Amino acid sequence: MKLWVTLRDHDAEVEFHAEGDRLWVEVEGRRLEADFRRLPDGEVYSLLVEGQSHELRVSPSGAGLDVTVDGATIMVEVKHPLEKLLQSTQAAHPGGHGETVAAPMPGLVVALKVKAGDVVEAGQSVAVVEAMKMQNELTARSGGVVSEVLVAERASVSAGQALVRLAPRER
């Protein structure tokens, strides 16, 4: 699985592959292999990388994840490469044309936070999609008025599927 990861203002496409207790991560041409085990509390993992043992905790935090490795916590933002592409396309053509909020990856819509006619501000949450046991809060980039809600709660969605359309606000 490929994901786009932002760590300390550095963006990189990262490919993950897990099989049993083995994990392979490839980033910027470097391949890392590790053994990992979930510890009994379910939130902490034991990670063995190149003979070094590490304690790893991952927890949701705002728009990303808090990753604690050996007691040091860093904020990591994780996106599907399609979401990164959509984000860069929207940044290249800002405002005035409306906006479509799409699912960043396949998942299940667990909450819709808007309905047709609602006024939405930039950064406001419009839907929550659960994928791989993680809930992803999807937000409006530029805001506007909800013109269409294209899915229902508990619906399965595919990567890139349009969920909510926003029309620009009339000035």
N, C-alpha and C. Protein backbone atom coordinates (compact mmCIF):
# COMPACT_ATOMS: atom_id res chain seq x y z
N MET A 1 0.84 -1.16 0.00
CA MET A 1 0.00 0.00 0.00
C MET A 1 0.89 1.24 0.00
N LYS A 2 0.57 2.20 -0.87
CA LYS A 2 1.31 3.45 -0.92
C LYS A 2 0.53 4.54 -0.20
N LEU A 3 1.23 5.34 0.56
CA LEU A 3 0.65 6.48 1.27
C LEU A 3 1.58 7.67 1.11
N TRP A 4 1.03 8.87 1.24
CA TRP A 4 1.82 10.10 1.21
C TRP A 4 1.94 10.56 2.64
N VAL A 5 3.16 10.70 3.14
CA VAL A 5 3.41 11.01 4.54
C VAL A 5 4.12 12.35 4.66
N THR A 6 3.64 13.19 5.58
CA THR A 6 4.30 14.46 5.89
C THR A 6 4.80 14.37 7.33
N LEU A 7 6.10 14.54 7.48
CA LEU A 7 6.75 14.43 8.77
C LEU A 7 7.71 15.61 8.90
N ARG A 8 7.44 16.47 9.89
CA ARG A 8 8.30 17.65 10.11
C ARG A 8 8.51 18.43 8.81
N ASP A 9 7.42 18.77 8.12
CA ASP A 9 7.44 19.56 6.88
C ASP A 9 8.16 18.89 5.71
N HIS A 10 8.38 17.58 5.80
CA HIS A 10 8.98 16.83 4.69
C HIS A 10 7.95 15.85 4.16
N ASP A 11 7.64 15.92 2.86
CA ASP A 11 6.67 15.03 2.22
C ASP A 11 7.40 13.91 1.51
N ALA A 12 6.84 12.71 1.58
CA ALA A 12 7.41 11.57 0.86
C ALA A 12 6.33 10.53 0.61
N GLU A 13 6.44 9.86 -0.53
CA GLU A 13 5.57 8.73 -0.79
C GLU A 13 6.21 7.51 -0.14
N VAL A 14 5.42 6.80 0.66
CA VAL A 14 5.93 5.66 1.42
C VAL A 14 5.11 4.43 1.04
N GLU A 15 5.80 3.34 0.76
CA GLU A 15 5.11 2.10 0.44
C GLU A 15 5.29 1.13 1.60
N PHE A 16 4.16 0.60 2.08
CA PHE A 16 4.14 -0.34 3.20
C PHE A 16 3.69 -1.70 2.71
N HIS A 17 4.27 -2.73 3.26
CA HIS A 17 3.82 -4.09 2.99
C HIS A 17 3.99 -4.87 4.28
N ALA A 18 2.92 -5.52 4.73
CA ALA A 18 2.99 -6.32 5.95
C ALA A 18 2.56 -7.74 5.64
N GLU A 19 3.26 -8.67 6.27
CA GLU A 19 2.93 -10.08 6.12
C GLU A 19 3.23 -10.74 7.46
N GLY A 20 2.18 -11.16 8.15
CA GLY A 20 2.37 -11.72 9.49
C GLY A 20 2.97 -10.67 10.41
N ASP A 21 4.08 -11.01 11.05
CA ASP A 21 4.76 -10.07 11.95
C ASP A 21 5.89 -9.32 11.25
N ARG A 22 5.96 -9.39 9.92
CA ARG A 22 7.02 -8.72 9.15
C ARG A 22 6.44 -7.47 8.49
N LEU A 23 7.22 -6.42 8.47
CA LEU A 23 6.83 -5.16 7.85
C LEU A 23 7.96 -4.67 6.98
N TRP A 24 7.64 -4.26 5.75
CA TRP A 24 8.61 -3.66 4.84
C TRP A 24 8.12 -2.26 4.52
N VAL A 25 9.01 -1.31 4.63
CA VAL A 25 8.71 0.08 4.33
C VAL A 25 9.74 0.57 3.33
N GLU A 26 9.27 1.20 2.25
CA GLU A 26 10.18 1.76 1.27
C GLU A 26 9.88 3.25 1.14
N VAL A 27 10.92 4.06 1.35
CA VAL A 27 10.77 5.50 1.25
C VAL A 27 12.02 6.09 0.61
N GLU A 28 11.80 6.89 -0.43
CA GLU A 28 12.88 7.57 -1.15
C GLU A 28 14.02 6.61 -1.51
N GLY A 29 13.65 5.43 -2.05
CA GLY A 29 14.65 4.47 -2.50
C GLY A 29 15.28 3.63 -1.41
N ARG A 30 14.94 3.89 -0.16
CA ARG A 30 15.51 3.12 0.96
C ARG A 30 14.47 2.13 1.46
N ARG A 31 14.87 0.88 1.58
CA ARG A 31 13.95 -0.18 2.04
C ARG A 31 14.33 -0.57 3.47
N LEU A 32 13.34 -0.61 4.33
CA LEU A 32 13.54 -0.95 5.73
C LEU A 32 12.67 -2.15 6.05
N GLU A 33 13.25 -3.12 6.73
CA GLU A 33 12.52 -4.33 7.09
C GLU A 33 12.49 -4.41 8.61
N ALA A 34 11.33 -4.81 9.15
CA ALA A 34 11.20 -4.86 10.61
C ALA A 34 10.28 -6.00 11.03
N ASP A 35 10.46 -6.44 12.26
CA ASP A 35 9.51 -7.34 12.92
C ASP A 35 8.68 -6.46 13.84
N PHE A 36 7.37 -6.71 13.88
CA PHE A 36 6.56 -5.92 14.81
C PHE A 36 5.49 -6.79 15.44
N ARG A 37 5.15 -6.44 16.68
CA ARG A 37 4.11 -7.16 17.41
C ARG A 37 3.29 -6.14 18.19
N ARG A 38 1.98 -6.32 18.14
CA ARG A 38 1.09 -5.47 18.96
C ARG A 38 1.15 -6.00 20.39
N LEU A 39 1.36 -5.12 21.33
CA LEU A 39 1.42 -5.51 22.74
C LEU A 39 -0.01 -5.61 23.29
N PRO A 40 -0.19 -6.25 24.43
CA PRO A 40 -1.54 -6.56 24.94
C PRO A 40 -2.48 -5.36 25.06
N ASP A 41 -1.99 -4.16 25.31
CA ASP A 41 -2.91 -3.02 25.46
C ASP A 41 -3.52 -2.58 24.12
N GLY A 42 -2.98 -3.09 23.00
CA GLY A 42 -3.54 -2.81 21.69
C GLY A 42 -3.12 -1.50 21.06
N GLU A 43 -2.46 -0.62 21.81
CA GLU A 43 -2.05 0.66 21.27
C GLU A 43 -0.53 0.77 21.08
N VAL A 44 0.20 -0.12 21.73
CA VAL A 44 1.66 -0.06 21.69
C VAL A 44 2.17 -1.26 20.91
N TYR A 45 3.22 -1.00 20.11
CA TYR A 45 3.83 -2.05 19.30
C TYR A 45 5.29 -2.18 19.69
N SER A 46 5.79 -3.40 19.61
CA SER A 46 7.21 -3.64 19.76
C SER A 46 7.75 -3.79 18.34
N LEU A 47 8.78 -3.01 18.02
CA LEU A 47 9.33 -2.96 16.68
C LEU A 47 10.81 -3.30 16.74
N LEU A 48 11.24 -4.27 15.94
CA LEU A 48 12.64 -4.67 15.88
C LEU A 48 13.16 -4.32 14.50
N VAL A 49 14.08 -3.32 14.46
CA VAL A 49 14.63 -2.82 13.20
C VAL A 49 16.14 -2.92 13.27
N GLU A 50 16.72 -3.66 12.33
CA GLU A 50 18.17 -3.81 12.26
C GLU A 50 18.78 -4.15 13.61
N GLY A 51 18.13 -5.09 14.32
CA GLY A 51 18.64 -5.55 15.60
C GLY A 51 18.34 -4.64 16.78
N GLN A 52 17.73 -3.49 16.55
CA GLN A 52 17.39 -2.53 17.61
C GLN A 52 15.91 -2.65 17.95
N SER A 53 15.59 -2.75 19.23
CA SER A 53 14.21 -2.84 19.68
C SER A 53 13.67 -1.43 19.99
N HIS A 54 12.44 -1.17 19.55
CA HIS A 54 11.81 0.13 19.77
C HIS A 54 10.38 -0.08 20.23
N GLU A 55 9.90 0.84 21.08
CA GLU A 55 8.51 0.84 21.48
C GLU A 55 7.81 1.93 20.66
N LEU A 56 6.71 1.56 20.02
CA LEU A 56 6.01 2.46 19.11
C LEU A 56 4.54 2.57 19.52
N ARG A 57 4.04 3.80 19.63
CA ARG A 57 2.63 4.05 19.93
C ARG A 57 2.09 4.97 18.84
N VAL A 58 0.93 4.62 18.28
CA VAL A 58 0.30 5.43 17.24
C VAL A 58 -1.10 5.77 17.71
N SER A 59 -1.44 7.08 17.70
CA SER A 59 -2.78 7.48 18.10
C SER A 59 -3.26 8.64 17.23
N PRO A 60 -4.56 8.66 16.92
CA PRO A 60 -5.11 9.74 16.09
C PRO A 60 -4.95 11.08 16.80
N SER A 61 -4.72 12.13 16.00
CA SER A 61 -4.56 13.47 16.56
C SER A 61 -4.92 14.50 15.49
N GLY A 62 -6.07 15.12 15.62
CA GLY A 62 -6.47 16.16 14.67
C GLY A 62 -6.45 15.66 13.25
N ALA A 63 -5.62 16.27 12.41
CA ALA A 63 -5.56 15.92 10.98
C ALA A 63 -4.54 14.83 10.69
N GLY A 64 -3.98 14.22 11.72
CA GLY A 64 -2.96 13.21 11.46
C GLY A 64 -2.86 12.20 12.57
N LEU A 65 -1.63 11.78 12.82
CA LEU A 65 -1.35 10.80 13.85
C LEU A 65 -0.23 11.30 14.74
N ASP A 66 -0.32 11.01 16.02
CA ASP A 66 0.81 11.21 16.92
C ASP A 66 1.54 9.87 16.98
N VAL A 67 2.80 9.87 16.60
CA VAL A 67 3.61 8.65 16.63
C VAL A 67 4.69 8.85 17.69
N THR A 68 4.68 7.97 18.68
CA THR A 68 5.67 8.04 19.76
C THR A 68 6.61 6.85 19.59
N VAL A 69 7.90 7.16 19.41
CA VAL A 69 8.92 6.14 19.28
C VAL A 69 9.93 6.35 20.40
N ASP A 70 10.08 5.35 21.24
CA ASP A 70 11.02 5.42 22.36
C ASP A 70 10.83 6.69 23.19
N GLY A 71 9.58 7.09 23.41
CA GLY A 71 9.28 8.23 24.26
C GLY A 71 9.22 9.58 23.57
N ALA A 72 9.66 9.69 22.33
CA ALA A 72 9.61 10.96 21.59
C ALA A 72 8.41 10.95 20.65
N THR A 73 7.54 11.97 20.76
CA THR A 73 6.32 12.03 19.96
C THR A 73 6.48 13.03 18.81
N ILE A 74 6.06 12.59 17.63
CA ILE A 74 6.06 13.47 16.46
C ILE A 74 4.70 13.37 15.78
N MET A 75 4.27 14.47 15.16
CA MET A 75 3.01 14.52 14.44
C MET A 75 3.27 14.09 13.00
N VAL A 76 2.49 13.14 12.50
CA VAL A 76 2.64 12.64 11.14
C VAL A 76 1.30 12.77 10.43
N GLU A 77 1.32 13.35 9.25
CA GLU A 77 0.12 13.46 8.44
C GLU A 77 0.21 12.38 7.36
N VAL A 78 -0.85 11.59 7.21
CA VAL A 78 -0.85 10.48 6.26
C VAL A 78 -2.00 10.66 5.29
N LYS A 79 -1.69 10.59 3.98
CA LYS A 79 -2.72 10.73 2.95
C LYS A 79 -2.52 9.68 1.88
N HIS A 80 -3.60 9.32 1.25
CA HIS A 80 -3.53 8.47 0.07
C HIS A 80 -2.92 9.31 -1.05
N PRO A 81 -2.08 8.75 -1.93
CA PRO A 81 -1.49 9.54 -3.02
C PRO A 81 -2.54 10.27 -3.87
N LEU A 82 -3.72 9.67 -4.02
CA LEU A 82 -4.79 10.33 -4.78
C LEU A 82 -5.25 11.60 -4.07
N GLU A 83 -5.35 11.55 -2.74
CA GLU A 83 -5.73 12.74 -1.98
C GLU A 83 -4.69 13.84 -2.14
N LYS A 84 -3.41 13.47 -2.14
CA LYS A 84 -2.33 14.44 -2.34
C LYS A 84 -2.46 15.08 -3.72
N LEU A 85 -2.75 14.28 -4.75
CA LEU A 85 -2.94 14.79 -6.09
C LEU A 85 -4.14 15.74 -6.16
N LEU A 86 -5.24 15.35 -5.53
CA LEU A 86 -6.42 16.22 -5.51
C LEU A 86 -6.11 17.54 -4.81
N GLN A 87 -5.37 17.46 -3.72
CA GLN A 87 -5.01 18.65 -2.95
C GLN A 87 -4.16 19.60 -3.80
N SER A 88 -3.19 19.05 -4.52
CA SER A 88 -2.33 19.91 -5.34
C SER A 88 -3.11 20.50 -6.51
N THR A 89 -4.06 19.76 -7.07
CA THR A 89 -4.90 20.27 -8.15
C THR A 89 -5.78 21.40 -7.64
N GLN A 90 -6.37 21.22 -6.46
CA GLN A 90 -7.23 22.26 -5.89
C GLN A 90 -6.41 23.50 -5.55
N ALA A 91 -5.18 23.33 -5.10
CA ALA A 91 -4.33 24.48 -4.77
C ALA A 91 -3.98 25.25 -6.04
N ALA A 92 -3.86 24.55 -7.16
CA ALA A 92 -3.52 25.20 -8.42
C ALA A 92 -4.70 25.97 -9.01
N HIS A 93 -5.92 25.60 -8.60
CA HIS A 93 -7.14 26.25 -9.11
C HIS A 93 -8.02 26.65 -7.93
N PRO A 94 -7.57 27.60 -7.10
CA PRO A 94 -8.28 27.93 -5.88
C PRO A 94 -9.60 28.68 -6.12
N GLY A 95 -10.53 28.48 -5.16
CA GLY A 95 -11.75 29.25 -5.03
C GLY A 95 -12.56 29.49 -6.29
N GLY A 96 -13.75 30.05 -6.11
CA GLY A 96 -14.56 30.51 -7.21
C GLY A 96 -15.25 29.43 -8.02
N HIS A 97 -14.78 28.21 -8.02
CA HIS A 97 -15.36 27.16 -8.86
C HIS A 97 -16.04 26.08 -8.05
N GLY A 98 -16.15 26.26 -6.76
CA GLY A 98 -16.72 25.22 -5.92
C GLY A 98 -15.67 24.18 -5.58
N GLU A 99 -16.13 23.13 -4.95
CA GLU A 99 -15.21 22.12 -4.43
C GLU A 99 -15.95 20.81 -4.28
N THR A 100 -15.24 19.72 -4.50
CA THR A 100 -15.79 18.40 -4.25
C THR A 100 -14.90 17.72 -3.21
N VAL A 101 -15.51 17.28 -2.12
CA VAL A 101 -14.78 16.55 -1.10
C VAL A 101 -14.93 15.07 -1.45
N ALA A 102 -13.80 14.39 -1.61
CA ALA A 102 -13.80 13.00 -2.05
C ALA A 102 -13.15 12.10 -1.00
N ALA A 103 -13.48 10.82 -1.06
CA ALA A 103 -12.87 9.84 -0.16
C ALA A 103 -11.40 9.66 -0.53
N PRO A 104 -10.48 9.77 0.43
CA PRO A 104 -9.06 9.62 0.12
C PRO A 104 -8.66 8.18 -0.17
N MET A 105 -9.46 7.23 0.33
CA MET A 105 -9.17 5.81 0.13
C MET A 105 -10.47 5.04 0.31
N PRO A 106 -10.52 3.77 -0.07
CA PRO A 106 -11.74 2.99 0.14
C PRO A 106 -12.07 2.92 1.62
N GLY A 107 -13.35 2.95 1.95
CA GLY A 107 -13.73 2.86 3.35
C GLY A 107 -15.22 2.91 3.53
N LEU A 108 -15.63 3.25 4.75
CA LEU A 108 -17.03 3.30 5.14
C LEU A 108 -17.33 4.69 5.68
N VAL A 109 -18.40 5.32 5.20
CA VAL A 109 -18.79 6.63 5.70
C VAL A 109 -19.43 6.42 7.07
N VAL A 110 -18.78 6.92 8.12
CA VAL A 110 -19.32 6.73 9.47
C VAL A 110 -20.07 7.96 9.96
N ALA A 111 -19.85 9.12 9.31
CA ALA A 111 -20.60 10.32 9.71
C ALA A 111 -20.61 11.33 8.57
N LEU A 112 -21.76 11.93 8.38
CA LEU A 112 -21.90 13.09 7.49
C LEU A 112 -22.20 14.27 8.40
N LYS A 113 -21.42 15.31 8.29
CA LYS A 113 -21.55 16.43 9.22
C LYS A 113 -22.25 17.64 8.61
N VAL A 114 -22.69 17.51 7.34
CA VAL A 114 -23.38 18.60 6.66
C VAL A 114 -24.56 18.05 5.88
N LYS A 115 -25.45 18.97 5.48
CA LYS A 115 -26.56 18.61 4.60
C LYS A 115 -26.68 19.70 3.55
N ALA A 116 -27.42 19.43 2.49
CA ALA A 116 -27.59 20.40 1.40
C ALA A 116 -28.08 21.73 1.97
N GLY A 117 -27.43 22.80 1.50
CA GLY A 117 -27.80 24.15 1.93
C GLY A 117 -26.95 24.70 3.06
N ASP A 118 -26.22 23.84 3.76
CA ASP A 118 -25.36 24.30 4.86
C ASP A 118 -24.22 25.16 4.32
N VAL A 119 -23.87 26.21 5.07
CA VAL A 119 -22.70 27.02 4.74
C VAL A 119 -21.51 26.40 5.47
N VAL A 120 -20.43 26.17 4.73
CA VAL A 120 -19.25 25.50 5.26
C VAL A 120 -18.05 26.43 5.16
N GLU A 121 -17.30 26.54 6.24
CA GLU A 121 -16.08 27.36 6.26
C GLU A 121 -14.88 26.51 5.83
N ALA A 122 -13.84 27.16 5.36
CA ALA A 122 -12.60 26.45 5.02
C ALA A 122 -12.10 25.73 6.27
N GLY A 123 -11.74 24.46 6.12
CA GLY A 123 -11.24 23.68 7.24
C GLY A 123 -12.30 22.97 8.06
N GLN A 124 -13.57 23.23 7.77
CA GLN A 124 -14.66 22.62 8.52
C GLN A 124 -14.84 21.17 8.09
N SER A 125 -15.10 20.31 9.06
CA SER A 125 -15.34 18.89 8.78
C SER A 125 -16.68 18.71 8.08
N VAL A 126 -16.68 17.87 7.02
CA VAL A 126 -17.93 17.60 6.29
C VAL A 126 -18.32 16.13 6.36
N ALA A 127 -17.34 15.22 6.56
CA ALA A 127 -17.62 13.79 6.62
C ALA A 127 -16.49 13.07 7.33
N VAL A 128 -16.79 11.87 7.81
CA VAL A 128 -15.79 11.01 8.42
C VAL A 128 -15.85 9.66 7.72
N VAL A 129 -14.70 9.21 7.20
CA VAL A 129 -14.61 7.92 6.51
C VAL A 129 -13.65 7.03 7.31
N GLU A 130 -14.09 5.82 7.59
CA GLU A 130 -13.24 4.86 8.30
C GLU A 130 -12.59 3.94 7.28
N ALA A 131 -11.27 3.84 7.39
CA ALA A 131 -10.50 2.95 6.52
C ALA A 131 -9.40 2.31 7.35
N MET A 132 -9.23 1.04 7.25
CA MET A 132 -8.19 0.30 7.98
C MET A 132 -8.24 0.59 9.47
N LYS A 133 -9.44 0.61 10.03
CA LYS A 133 -9.69 0.82 11.46
C LYS A 133 -9.28 2.21 11.93
N MET A 134 -9.10 3.16 11.00
CA MET A 134 -8.79 4.55 11.35
C MET A 134 -9.88 5.44 10.79
N GLN A 135 -10.31 6.41 11.58
CA GLN A 135 -11.31 7.35 11.11
C GLN A 135 -10.61 8.58 10.55
N ASN A 136 -10.97 8.94 9.31
CA ASN A 136 -10.37 10.08 8.62
C ASN A 136 -11.42 11.17 8.50
N GLU A 137 -11.16 12.30 9.15
CA GLU A 137 -12.08 13.42 9.09
C GLU A 137 -11.76 14.23 7.83
N LEU A 138 -12.75 14.37 6.97
CA LEU A 138 -12.56 15.07 5.70
C LEU A 138 -13.10 16.49 5.84
N THR A 139 -12.29 17.45 5.42
CA THR A 139 -12.64 18.85 5.60
C THR A 139 -12.73 19.58 4.27
N ALA A 140 -13.46 20.69 4.30
CA ALA A 140 -13.55 21.56 3.13
C ALA A 140 -12.26 22.37 3.03
N ARG A 141 -11.71 22.49 1.84
CA ARG A 141 -10.47 23.25 1.67
C ARG A 141 -10.75 24.75 1.60
N SER A 142 -11.77 25.13 0.82
CA SER A 142 -12.02 26.56 0.65
C SER A 142 -13.38 27.00 1.17
N GLY A 143 -14.25 26.06 1.50
CA GLY A 143 -15.56 26.40 2.01
C GLY A 143 -16.55 26.72 0.90
N GLY A 144 -17.78 27.00 1.29
CA GLY A 144 -18.84 27.31 0.34
C GLY A 144 -20.18 26.87 0.89
N VAL A 145 -21.12 26.60 -0.02
CA VAL A 145 -22.45 26.15 0.36
C VAL A 145 -22.61 24.72 -0.16
N VAL A 146 -23.09 23.83 0.70
CA VAL A 146 -23.26 22.43 0.30
C VAL A 146 -24.35 22.37 -0.77
N SER A 147 -23.96 21.97 -1.98
CA SER A 147 -24.94 21.85 -3.06
C SER A 147 -25.46 20.42 -3.18
N GLU A 148 -24.63 19.43 -2.83
CA GLU A 148 -25.05 18.02 -2.90
C GLU A 148 -24.31 17.20 -1.86
N VAL A 149 -25.04 16.28 -1.25
CA VAL A 149 -24.43 15.23 -0.44
C VAL A 149 -24.68 13.96 -1.24
N LEU A 150 -23.61 13.33 -1.71
CA LEU A 150 -23.71 12.26 -2.70
C LEU A 150 -23.72 10.85 -2.12
N VAL A 151 -23.56 10.73 -0.80
CA VAL A 151 -23.54 9.42 -0.15
C VAL A 151 -24.37 9.48 1.12
N ALA A 152 -24.64 8.31 1.66
CA ALA A 152 -25.36 8.22 2.94
C ALA A 152 -24.41 7.65 3.98
N GLU A 153 -24.71 7.89 5.26
CA GLU A 153 -23.93 7.28 6.32
C GLU A 153 -24.02 5.77 6.19
N ARG A 154 -22.95 5.08 6.54
CA ARG A 154 -22.79 3.62 6.49
C ARG A 154 -22.58 3.10 5.07
N ALA A 155 -22.43 4.01 4.09
CA ALA A 155 -22.17 3.59 2.71
C ALA A 155 -20.70 3.26 2.53
N SER A 156 -20.42 2.22 1.76
CA SER A 156 -19.04 1.91 1.38
C SER A 156 -18.66 2.80 0.21
N VAL A 157 -17.44 3.35 0.26
CA VAL A 157 -16.99 4.25 -0.80
C VAL A 157 -15.62 3.79 -1.32
N SER A 158 -15.32 4.17 -2.54
CA SER A 158 -14.03 3.83 -3.14
C SER A 158 -13.12 5.06 -3.11
N ALA A 159 -11.84 4.84 -3.34
CA ALA A 159 -10.86 5.94 -3.36
C ALA A 159 -11.24 6.93 -4.45
N GLY A 160 -11.27 8.19 -4.10
CA GLY A 160 -11.57 9.24 -5.07
C GLY A 160 -13.05 9.49 -5.30
N GLN A 161 -13.92 8.69 -4.66
CA GLN A 161 -15.36 8.87 -4.86
C GLN A 161 -15.82 10.18 -4.24
N ALA A 162 -16.59 10.95 -4.99
CA ALA A 162 -17.12 12.22 -4.51
C ALA A 162 -18.14 11.97 -3.40
N LEU A 163 -18.02 12.72 -2.30
CA LEU A 163 -18.92 12.57 -1.17
C LEU A 163 -19.83 13.78 -1.01
N VAL A 164 -19.23 14.97 -1.10
CA VAL A 164 -19.97 16.22 -0.87
C VAL A 164 -19.49 17.25 -1.89
N ARG A 165 -20.44 17.97 -2.49
CA ARG A 165 -20.09 19.06 -3.41
C ARG A 165 -20.44 20.39 -2.78
N LEU A 166 -19.52 21.34 -2.90
CA LEU A 166 -19.73 22.68 -2.38
C LEU A 166 -19.73 23.67 -3.54
N ALA A 167 -20.69 24.55 -3.53
CA ALA A 167 -20.74 25.64 -4.51
C ALA A 167 -20.12 26.86 -3.84
N PRO A 168 -19.51 27.76 -4.64
CA PRO A 168 -18.96 28.96 -4.03
C PRO A 168 -20.07 29.80 -3.42
N ARG A 169 -19.72 30.51 -2.37
CA ARG A 169 -20.70 31.42 -1.73
C ARG A 169 -20.93 32.60 -2.62
N GLU A 170 -22.17 33.01 -2.71
CA GLU A 170 -22.48 34.23 -3.48
C GLU A 170 -22.06 35.42 -2.66
N ARG A 171 -21.42 36.37 -3.28
CA ARG A 171 -20.88 37.53 -2.56
C ARG A 171 -21.84 38.67 -2.59
